[in-house]
Amino acid sequence: QVQLVESGGRLVQAGGSLRLSCEASGRTFSSYNMGWFRRAPGKEREFVASIRWSTGRTVYVDSVKGRFTISRDNAKNTVYLQMDSLKPEDTALYYCAADSLGAIRTAQAMGVMTYYEYWGQGTQVTVSS
């Protein structure tokens, strides 16, 4: 059974940095896409970034391009989200998710939330102004 465990969220000042981690277990993830999503207070859950495990191909939502970087460590079965130049509007519960059919998705499809069938519990990021 796939398990995803996020960590790294905390309170940080605007302009600061955080690195979120998602430890994945229960499968071999070489054919998966791994994504980060977030839900801000009073808003719907939204796509943030995704990485194709096999090739390292990445996709980002426009609002985080140039500030966030998604990466993976094959040896540790862990996906990271490096977040720099944080803004108060980045405050949200951040979720890690896995798409088992990731290898056949187009780059555009990597951001489609409904394709991700496995989800973690989330880690809270709060950015103060």
Foldseek 3Di string as FASTA:
>chain_A
DKAWAKDWADEEAAQAKTKMKIQIDDDQQQQKKKFKWWDDVPGDIFGAKIARNNPRDMDGDPVQPPFWDWDDDNVRNMIMIIGGNDDQVVWTWMKMFMQNNNNPDDNVCRGPPVRTDDIHPTGTHGYHD
